[in-house]
Amino acid sequence: MKIISTNLGNPVTITWNGKEEQTGIYKYPVDHALELNKTIIKDDTIIDKIHHGGINKACYIFSSNHYPYWKEQFPNLDWDWGMFGENLTVEGLDETQIRVGNIYKLGSALVQMTQPREPCYKLGVRFQDQSILKKFIDYGLPGTYLKILEEGLVKKGDTMELVEESKNELTVSQFYQLLYIRKKPKELLHLFMTNSAVPEYKKEKFKKFL
């Protein structure tokens, strides 16, 4: 997997339900390396620190391979890398194959796959169309957040090299599927609950399905 673009955002004021608020979802390409820290990327903007950033969501990555599909869905937008709020646009990222818990060398950092991105209304604001939320869920390939095991720098052109594959076979796309399907398959639920990389607060919400 190769880094196609490094993206950062500044605070942008939006109006939602008649009220002004700020968001950091408007990411744009930058021409320098990103500094991956334990809970946030240096110089990036995170407004909603409850749902973004932190140990399990320090960095969000999204596949460049999905861009052609979304450009067809929303052809009138001013397209650039970072459209989905991702910090890193990655070529060859396949959520159906990558396991939650996999560890990668990313630039000079060491990172771990933790959880898929769940869309909220701010993605709809960025796309000027709230219908993208259902389309994004149905598409099933949401990108993933990273935990930073060892801090470091990553720049355009760097690669993500697998260091250790998780013994637990839960993939990012299966994690995502489990979030939205009403009837939770027992085998999938077992993988989810026994995967040490799945955040504990997520597991707490799923105990009622056991």
Protein backbone atom coordinates (compact mmCIF):
# COMPACT_ATOMS: atom_id res chain seq x y z
CA MET A 1 0.00 0.00 0.00
CA LYS A 2 1.29 3.43 -0.94
CA ILE A 3 0.55 6.90 0.44
CA ILE A 4 -0.97 8.99 -2.35
CA SER A 5 -1.67 12.13 -0.32
CA THR A 6 -1.13 13.58 3.15
CA ASN A 7 -4.06 15.76 4.24
CA LEU A 8 -4.71 18.26 7.03
CA GLY A 9 -7.65 20.51 7.89
CA ASN A 10 -8.31 23.88 9.47
CA PRO A 11 -11.47 24.73 11.43
CA VAL A 12 -14.40 25.48 9.11
CA THR A 13 -17.63 27.05 10.32
CA ILE A 14 -20.80 25.36 9.06
CA THR A 15 -24.51 25.82 9.75
CA TRP A 16 -26.42 22.75 10.88
CA ASN A 17 -30.06 22.81 11.99
CA GLY A 18 -29.92 26.59 12.12
CA LYS A 19 -26.88 26.72 14.38
CA GLU A 20 -23.29 27.56 13.58
CA GLU A 21 -20.61 25.07 14.55
CA GLN A 22 -17.11 24.14 13.52
CA THR A 23 -15.73 21.01 11.91
CA GLY A 24 -12.36 19.61 10.92
CA ILE A 25 -13.66 17.35 8.13
CA TYR A 26 -12.44 19.69 5.40
CA LYS A 27 -9.02 18.11 4.83
CA TYR A 28 -6.81 19.11 1.90
CA PRO A 29 -3.48 17.83 0.56
CA VAL A 30 -0.30 19.28 2.04
CA ASP A 31 3.20 19.01 0.59
CA HIS A 32 4.97 17.93 3.75
CA ALA A 33 5.17 14.90 6.00
CA LEU A 34 2.61 14.36 8.75
CA GLU A 35 3.74 13.84 12.32
CA LEU A 36 1.77 10.95 13.79
CA ASN A 37 1.37 11.35 17.53
CA LYS A 38 -0.39 9.06 20.00
CA THR A 39 -3.74 10.87 20.02
CA ILE A 40 -3.67 13.28 17.08
CA ILE A 41 -1.74 14.29 13.99
CA LYS A 42 0.31 17.42 14.59
CA ASP A 43 -1.30 20.58 13.13
CA ASP A 44 -4.55 18.80 12.26
CA THR A 45 -7.96 20.02 13.43
CA ILE A 46 -10.25 17.91 15.60
CA ILE A 47 -13.30 19.71 16.93
CA ASP A 48 -15.39 16.79 18.20
CA LYS A 49 -12.89 15.07 20.48
CA ILE A 50 -15.50 12.61 21.73
CA HIS A 51 -15.86 10.92 18.34
CA HIS A 52 -12.54 11.77 16.68
CA GLY A 53 -8.91 11.57 17.67
CA GLY A 54 -7.65 9.81 20.77
CA ILE A 55 -5.74 6.56 21.21
CA ASN A 56 -7.95 4.47 18.91
CA LYS A 57 -8.62 7.15 16.28
CA ALA A 58 -5.39 9.12 16.02
CA CYS A 59 -5.26 8.89 12.22
CA TYR A 60 -7.91 8.16 9.58
CA ILE A 61 -6.94 6.54 6.27
CA PHE A 62 -9.07 6.04 3.15
CA SER A 63 -8.41 4.22 -0.11
CA SER A 64 -7.75 6.11 -3.34
CA ASN A 65 -9.24 3.08 -5.11
CA HIS A 66 -12.73 4.13 -3.96
CA TYR A 67 -12.52 7.65 -5.39
CA PRO A 68 -13.65 6.78 -8.96
CA TYR A 69 -16.89 5.27 -7.62
CA TRP A 70 -17.69 8.31 -5.50
CA LYS A 71 -16.80 10.75 -8.26
CA GLU A 72 -19.46 9.08 -10.40
CA GLN A 73 -21.98 9.42 -7.57
CA PHE A 74 -21.20 13.12 -6.96
CA PRO A 75 -19.75 14.48 -10.23
CA ASN A 76 -20.44 18.14 -9.50
CA LEU A 77 -18.16 18.46 -6.47
CA ASP A 78 -14.73 20.08 -6.52
CA TRP A 79 -12.77 16.86 -6.04
CA ASP A 80 -9.40 16.54 -4.36
CA TRP A 81 -7.74 14.07 -2.00
CA GLY A 82 -9.00 14.38 1.57
CA MET A 83 -12.66 14.58 0.52
CA PHE A 84 -13.68 12.00 3.12
CA GLY A 85 -11.82 13.73 5.92
CA GLU A 86 -8.94 11.28 5.73
CA ASN A 87 -5.47 12.22 6.90
CA LEU A 88 -3.87 9.74 4.53
CA THR A 89 -5.15 8.72 1.12
CA VAL A 90 -3.77 5.22 0.52
CA GLU A 91 -3.50 3.29 -2.73
CA GLY A 92 -4.36 -0.40 -2.42
CA LEU A 93 -6.15 -0.30 0.93
CA ASP A 94 -8.64 -3.19 0.85
CA GLU A 95 -10.98 -3.31 3.84
CA THR A 96 -12.21 -6.79 2.87
CA GLN A 97 -8.71 -8.24 3.33
CA ILE A 98 -7.13 -6.16 6.09
CA ARG A 99 -7.65 -7.53 9.59
CA VAL A 100 -8.44 -5.41 12.61
CA GLY A 101 -5.30 -5.59 14.73
CA ASN A 102 -2.83 -5.77 11.85
CA ILE A 103 0.37 -3.85 12.56
CA TYR A 104 2.15 -1.87 9.84
CA LYS A 105 5.29 0.15 9.36
CA LEU A 106 4.07 3.49 8.05
CA GLY A 107 6.87 5.90 7.21
CA SER A 108 8.89 5.98 10.42
CA ALA A 109 5.83 5.19 12.56
CA LEU A 110 4.36 1.89 13.70
CA VAL A 111 0.56 1.69 13.51
CA GLN A 112 -2.29 -0.72 14.13
CA MET A 113 -5.69 -1.04 12.43
CA THR A 114 -8.40 -0.41 15.02
CA GLN A 115 -11.87 0.36 13.64
CA PRO A 116 -13.77 1.53 10.54
CA ARG A 117 -15.05 5.04 10.11
CA GLU A 118 -18.74 5.58 10.87
CA PRO A 119 -20.21 8.45 8.85
CA CYS A 120 -22.05 11.37 10.45
CA TYR A 121 -23.89 14.42 9.16
CA LYS A 122 -20.63 16.33 8.71
CA LEU A 123 -19.70 14.05 5.82
CA GLY A 124 -23.04 15.03 4.31
CA VAL A 125 -22.17 18.69 4.83
CA ARG A 126 -18.86 18.25 3.05
CA PHE A 127 -20.58 16.49 0.15
CA GLN A 128 -23.48 18.98 0.17
CA ASP A 129 -25.85 16.01 0.27
CA GLN A 130 -26.92 14.04 3.34
CA SER A 131 -27.86 11.09 1.12
CA ILE A 132 -24.20 10.11 1.13
CA LEU A 133 -24.58 8.70 4.65
CA LYS A 134 -26.77 5.79 3.58
CA LYS A 135 -24.75 5.34 0.39
CA PHE A 136 -21.53 5.27 2.40
CA ILE A 137 -22.93 2.63 4.75
CA ASP A 138 -24.30 0.52 1.89
CA TYR A 139 -21.00 0.73 -0.04
CA GLY A 140 -19.34 -1.02 2.88
CA LEU A 141 -15.77 0.20 2.39
CA PRO A 142 -15.28 3.02 4.88
CA GLY A 143 -11.55 3.33 5.44
CA THR A 144 -10.11 2.75 8.88
CA TYR A 145 -8.66 4.47 11.91
CA LEU A 146 -5.16 3.78 13.19
CA LYS A 147 -3.66 3.48 16.64
CA ILE A 148 -0.13 4.92 16.76
CA LEU A 149 2.07 2.35 18.49
CA GLU A 150 5.28 4.24 17.76
CA GLU A 151 5.16 7.90 16.79
CA GLY A 152 6.81 8.99 13.56
CA LEU A 153 6.58 10.82 10.25
CA VAL A 154 4.79 9.78 7.06
CA LYS A 155 4.96 11.50 3.68
CA LYS A 156 3.55 11.10 0.20
CA GLY A 157 5.18 8.15 -1.52
CA ASP A 158 5.79 6.20 1.69
CA THR A 159 4.41 2.68 1.95
CA MET A 160 2.48 0.69 4.53
CA GLU A 161 4.35 -2.56 5.12
CA LEU A 162 2.73 -5.36 7.10
CA VAL A 163 4.78 -6.16 10.20
CA GLU A 164 2.40 -8.48 12.01
CA GLU A 165 -0.92 -9.92 10.87
CA SER A 166 -3.59 -10.36 13.52
CA LYS A 167 -4.35 -13.98 14.38
CA ASN A 168 -7.98 -12.90 14.76
CA GLU A 169 -9.55 -12.98 11.27
CA LEU A 170 -12.01 -10.08 11.72
CA THR A 171 -11.60 -7.72 8.77
CA VAL A 172 -12.31 -4.00 8.71
CA SER A 173 -15.28 -4.55 6.39
CA GLN A 174 -16.73 -7.26 8.68
CA PHE A 175 -16.41 -4.90 11.66
CA TYR A 176 -18.27 -2.27 9.61
CA GLN A 177 -20.96 -4.75 8.57
CA LEU A 178 -21.49 -5.79 12.18
CA LEU A 179 -22.19 -2.19 13.18
CA TYR A 180 -25.19 -1.86 10.89
CA ILE A 181 -26.83 -5.24 10.40
CA ARG A 182 -29.75 -5.95 12.71
CA LYS A 183 -29.13 -9.66 13.19
CA LYS A 184 -25.52 -10.17 14.31
CA PRO A 185 -23.99 -13.46 13.05
CA LYS A 186 -22.62 -15.44 15.98
CA GLU A 187 -19.29 -16.26 14.34
CA LEU A 188 -18.71 -12.63 13.41
CA LEU A 189 -19.74 -11.45 16.85
CA HIS A 190 -17.30 -13.92 18.42
CA LEU A 191 -14.43 -12.60 16.28
CA PHE A 192 -15.39 -9.05 17.24
CA MET A 193 -15.53 -9.71 20.98
CA THR A 194 -12.28 -11.68 21.07
CA ASN A 195 -10.24 -9.26 18.95
CA SER A 196 -7.87 -7.42 21.31
CA ALA A 197 -7.58 -4.43 18.95
CA VAL A 198 -11.32 -3.67 19.00
CA PRO A 199 -11.79 -0.78 21.47
CA GLU A 200 -13.39 -1.86 24.75
CA TYR A 201 -16.11 0.79 24.55
CA LYS A 202 -17.24 -0.80 21.29
CA LYS A 203 -17.36 -4.24 22.87
CA GLU A 204 -19.46 -2.91 25.75
CA LYS A 205 -22.16 -1.84 23.31
CA PHE A 206 -22.27 -5.31 21.76
CA LYS A 207 -22.52 -7.37 24.93
CA LYS A 208 -26.31 -7.21 24.70
CA PHE A 209 -26.13 -9.29 21.48
CA LEU A 210 -24.28 -12.19 23.11
